[in-house]
Protein backbone atom coordinates (compact mmCIF):
# COMPACT_ATOMS: atom_id res chain seq x y z
CA MET A 1 0.14 -2.52 13.79
CA ILE A 2 -1.39 -1.23 10.57
CA THR A 3 -2.50 -3.92 8.10
CA LYS A 4 -5.56 -2.67 6.21
CA ASN A 5 -5.72 -5.89 4.17
CA LEU A 6 -2.40 -5.20 2.45
CA SER A 7 0.23 -7.79 1.54
CA LEU A 8 2.70 -6.97 4.30
CA GLU A 9 2.26 -6.04 7.95
CA HIS A 10 3.67 -2.58 8.55
CA VAL A 11 3.78 0.57 10.61
CA LEU A 12 3.46 4.03 9.11
CA LYS A 13 3.93 7.73 9.68
CA PRO A 14 1.37 9.76 7.67
CA SER A 15 2.39 12.69 5.53
CA LYS A 16 1.38 16.22 6.50
CA LEU A 17 0.55 16.92 2.85
CA GLU A 18 -3.09 16.98 1.80
CA GLY A 19 -2.44 15.65 -1.70
CA LYS A 20 -0.50 12.65 -2.88
CA ALA A 21 2.59 12.25 -0.70
CA PRO A 22 6.06 11.04 -1.64
CA LEU A 23 6.62 7.58 -0.21
CA ILE A 24 9.53 6.11 1.71
CA LEU A 25 9.18 2.34 2.05
CA MET A 26 11.55 0.88 4.64
CA LEU A 27 12.82 -2.72 4.39
CA HIS A 28 14.58 -4.05 7.48
CA GLY A 29 17.46 -6.50 7.73
CA TYR A 30 17.66 -10.22 8.49
CA GLY A 31 16.33 -11.10 11.94
CA SER A 32 14.79 -7.70 12.60
CA ASP A 33 11.29 -6.28 12.19
CA GLU A 34 9.29 -3.29 10.98
CA ASN A 35 10.14 -1.18 14.05
CA ASP A 36 13.89 -1.15 13.40
CA LEU A 37 14.31 1.33 10.53
CA PHE A 38 11.12 3.11 11.60
CA SER A 39 13.27 4.75 14.29
CA PHE A 40 14.57 6.97 11.43
CA ALA A 41 11.08 8.29 10.72
CA PRO A 42 10.99 11.20 13.23
CA GLU A 43 14.19 12.59 11.70
CA LEU A 44 12.85 12.61 8.14
CA SER A 45 10.65 15.26 6.53
CA ASP A 46 6.99 15.31 7.54
CA ASP A 47 6.14 15.61 3.84
CA TYR A 48 6.85 11.91 3.39
CA LEU A 49 4.45 9.06 3.90
CA ILE A 50 6.77 6.62 5.66
CA VAL A 51 5.88 2.93 5.68
CA SER A 52 8.06 0.31 7.34
CA ALA A 53 7.28 -3.25 6.27
CA LYS A 54 7.64 -6.52 8.16
CA ALA A 55 9.36 -9.30 6.21
CA PRO A 56 7.16 -12.36 5.57
CA TYR A 57 9.33 -15.18 6.94
CA GLN A 58 9.19 -15.50 10.72
CA MET A 59 12.34 -16.60 12.50
CA MET A 60 12.57 -18.38 15.82
CA PRO A 61 12.52 -17.31 18.56
CA TYR A 62 11.96 -13.81 17.14
CA GLY A 63 12.61 -11.60 14.14
CA ASN A 64 11.77 -11.88 10.47
CA ALA A 65 13.58 -12.37 7.18
CA TRP A 66 12.96 -11.63 3.51
CA TYR A 67 14.62 -14.97 2.69
CA ASP A 68 16.57 -17.71 4.44
CA ILE A 69 20.35 -17.65 4.73
CA ASN A 70 22.19 -20.92 5.36
CA PHE A 71 25.81 -21.75 6.03
CA ASP A 72 27.59 -24.96 5.06
CA ALA A 73 30.32 -26.76 7.01
CA ASP A 74 33.00 -24.56 5.44
CA GLY A 75 31.23 -21.40 6.51
CA ASP A 76 30.10 -20.48 3.00
CA LYS A 77 26.80 -18.65 2.82
CA PHE A 78 23.90 -19.66 0.60
CA THR A 79 20.80 -17.59 0.05
CA ASN A 80 17.36 -18.97 -0.74
CA ASP A 81 16.92 -17.21 -4.07
CA GLU A 82 13.43 -18.63 -4.55
CA GLN A 83 12.25 -16.94 -1.35
CA ALA A 84 14.12 -13.76 -2.26
CA ILE A 85 12.38 -13.57 -5.63
CA ALA A 86 9.01 -14.15 -3.95
CA SER A 87 9.78 -11.28 -1.53
CA ARG A 88 10.93 -9.09 -4.43
CA ASP A 89 7.56 -9.48 -6.14
CA LEU A 90 5.66 -9.14 -2.87
CA ILE A 91 7.33 -5.79 -2.24
CA ALA A 92 6.54 -4.65 -5.79
CA THR A 93 2.87 -5.50 -5.22
CA PHE A 94 2.97 -3.80 -1.82
CA ILE A 95 4.14 -0.56 -3.45
CA ASP A 96 1.04 -0.58 -5.67
CA GLU A 97 -1.17 -1.26 -2.65
CA ILE A 98 0.34 1.64 -0.68
CA VAL A 99 -0.19 3.98 -3.62
CA GLU A 100 -3.86 2.95 -3.79
CA HIS A 101 -4.76 2.70 -0.10
CA TYR A 102 -2.70 5.56 1.30
CA HIS A 103 -2.80 7.84 -1.76
CA ALA A 104 0.97 7.94 -2.18
CA ASP A 105 2.61 9.52 -5.20
CA ALA A 106 3.48 6.68 -7.58
CA GLN A 107 6.03 8.95 -9.25
CA ASN A 108 7.95 9.61 -6.02
CA VAL A 109 8.77 6.29 -4.36
CA THR A 110 11.93 5.71 -2.33
CA LEU A 111 13.06 2.33 -1.02
CA LEU A 112 15.19 2.54 2.11
CA GLY A 113 16.72 -0.82 2.98
CA PHE A 114 19.29 -2.11 5.42
CA SER A 115 21.36 -5.27 4.84
CA GLN A 116 18.95 -7.90 3.48
CA GLY A 117 16.44 -5.09 2.99
CA ALA A 118 19.02 -3.23 0.89
CA ILE A 119 19.64 -6.33 -1.22
CA LEU A 120 15.89 -6.56 -1.85
CA SER A 121 15.71 -2.82 -2.58
CA TYR A 122 18.19 -3.28 -5.42
CA ALA A 123 16.21 -6.28 -6.66
CA VAL A 124 12.89 -4.44 -6.73
CA ALA A 125 14.26 -1.26 -8.27
CA LEU A 126 16.25 -2.97 -11.02
CA SER A 127 13.46 -5.43 -11.80
CA TYR A 128 10.66 -2.82 -11.67
CA PRO A 129 12.26 0.62 -12.22
CA GLN A 130 8.88 2.05 -13.25
CA LYS A 131 7.76 1.62 -9.62
CA VAL A 132 10.80 3.15 -7.86
CA GLN A 133 12.56 6.48 -8.28
CA ASN A 134 15.11 6.39 -5.43
CA VAL A 135 16.93 3.69 -3.49
CA ILE A 136 18.88 4.15 -0.27
CA ALA A 137 20.79 0.89 0.17
CA LEU A 138 22.57 0.67 3.53
CA SER A 139 25.04 -2.16 4.14
CA GLY A 140 23.85 -4.29 1.24
CA TYR A 141 25.18 -5.62 -2.05
CA ILE A 142 24.20 -6.50 -5.61
CA HIS A 143 22.73 -10.02 -5.90
CA ALA A 144 21.79 -10.17 -9.58
CA SER A 145 20.51 -13.76 -9.55
CA ILE A 146 17.30 -12.54 -7.87
CA TYR A 147 16.59 -9.83 -10.45
CA LYS A 148 13.84 -10.26 -13.05
CA ALA A 149 15.06 -11.86 -16.27
CA GLY A 150 16.02 -9.22 -18.83
CA TYR A 151 16.44 -6.46 -16.22
CA GLU A 152 19.49 -5.19 -18.12
CA LYS A 153 17.18 -3.87 -20.85
CA ASN A 154 15.00 -1.84 -18.47
CA ASP A 155 14.77 1.94 -18.62
CA PHE A 156 16.69 3.26 -15.61
CA SER A 157 16.62 6.92 -16.64
CA ASN A 158 14.42 7.92 -13.67
CA LEU A 159 16.23 5.81 -11.06
CA SER A 160 18.82 7.13 -8.59
CA ILE A 161 20.64 5.08 -5.97
CA TYR A 162 22.54 5.96 -2.81
CA ALA A 163 24.60 3.17 -1.28
CA SER A 164 26.78 3.09 1.82
CA HIS A 165 28.75 0.52 3.77
CA GLY A 166 30.86 0.23 6.87
CA ASN A 167 34.51 -0.38 6.03
CA VAL A 168 34.84 -2.73 9.01
CA ASP A 169 31.54 -4.56 8.41
CA GLN A 170 31.85 -8.01 9.97
CA VAL A 171 28.60 -9.34 8.45
CA ILE A 172 28.75 -8.30 4.79
CA PRO A 173 32.35 -7.70 3.62
CA VAL A 174 32.96 -4.22 2.28
CA GLU A 175 34.60 -5.83 -0.77
CA TRP A 176 31.16 -7.07 -1.82
CA ALA A 177 29.68 -3.58 -1.56
CA ARG A 178 32.54 -2.05 -3.57
CA LYS A 179 31.28 -3.96 -6.59
CA ASN A 180 27.95 -2.12 -6.48
CA LYS A 181 29.00 1.14 -8.13
CA PRO A 182 30.77 -0.40 -11.16
CA PHE A 183 27.73 -2.63 -11.68
CA LEU A 184 25.31 0.31 -11.54
CA ASP A 185 27.59 2.50 -13.66
CA GLU A 186 27.56 -0.18 -16.35
CA LEU A 187 23.76 0.00 -16.41
CA GLY A 188 23.85 3.80 -16.67
CA ILE A 189 22.13 4.30 -13.31
CA GLU A 190 22.85 7.52 -11.43
CA ASN A 191 24.41 6.43 -8.14
CA LYS A 192 26.55 7.46 -5.19
CA TYR A 193 28.60 5.14 -2.98
CA SER A 194 30.15 6.03 0.40
CA GLU A 195 32.01 4.18 3.15
CA PHE A 196 32.11 4.99 6.84
CA PRO A 197 34.29 3.81 9.75
CA VAL A 198 31.65 1.54 11.22
CA GLY A 199 30.68 -2.13 11.30
CA HIS A 200 27.32 -3.49 10.17
CA GLY A 201 25.33 -0.40 10.99
CA VAL A 202 24.66 3.28 10.28
CA ASN A 203 26.56 6.02 12.09
CA PRO A 204 25.41 9.67 12.40
CA GLN A 205 27.57 10.83 9.48
CA ASN A 206 26.05 8.16 7.27
CA PHE A 207 22.53 9.14 8.32
CA LYS A 208 23.18 12.82 7.59
CA GLU A 209 24.63 12.04 4.18
CA PHE A 210 21.76 9.88 2.95
CA LYS A 211 19.25 12.34 4.41
CA ASP A 212 20.91 15.18 2.45
CA TRP A 213 21.01 12.99 -0.67
CA LEU A 214 17.30 12.27 -0.31
CA ALA A 215 16.51 15.98 0.01
CA GLN A 216 18.27 16.55 -3.32
CA HIS A 217 16.29 13.80 -5.05
């Protein structure tokens, strides 16, 4: 485990570049940990500094979360927005720490999030677009109540977003994800949205597509 006195526990794959490296910051889903998305790292370019963060809220008996999710008697889901906002700002601070401690390129930062990590990726990028250039949001959705007040007025001219979802996702309904593109279009953010014949996960076609998208950005 690499910590180096930074805000979040994490694992990393160094860049082969000698100068400032483009950064991919990975944010895992609910109940997982920093090793989950890090399995993508060997398949991504060695030019990238890849950092996979561990969410701050420990679950029992194992796993971590960026914020609590609770269900009522009718099965409706409620998110702890206060925790989500705290995680949003923690991630924003963590980006600055990575840039300083690992000499990452502050002008080439990509957030790669899955599920809850994708929801937080949107939140960080739309709240602090000056810190993020690319977002790869896998199996997530827009949750605007955790965005920084006044985010609509931010300058999104340097932000690009790739989003994907499984059309038989049993955890986050695809109907939620289909609202992402119209929302981002309204804000004038360059974005791409794709669906794949999979549940709550990433199939090989999805991986290839977001990898190709990243190479173009």
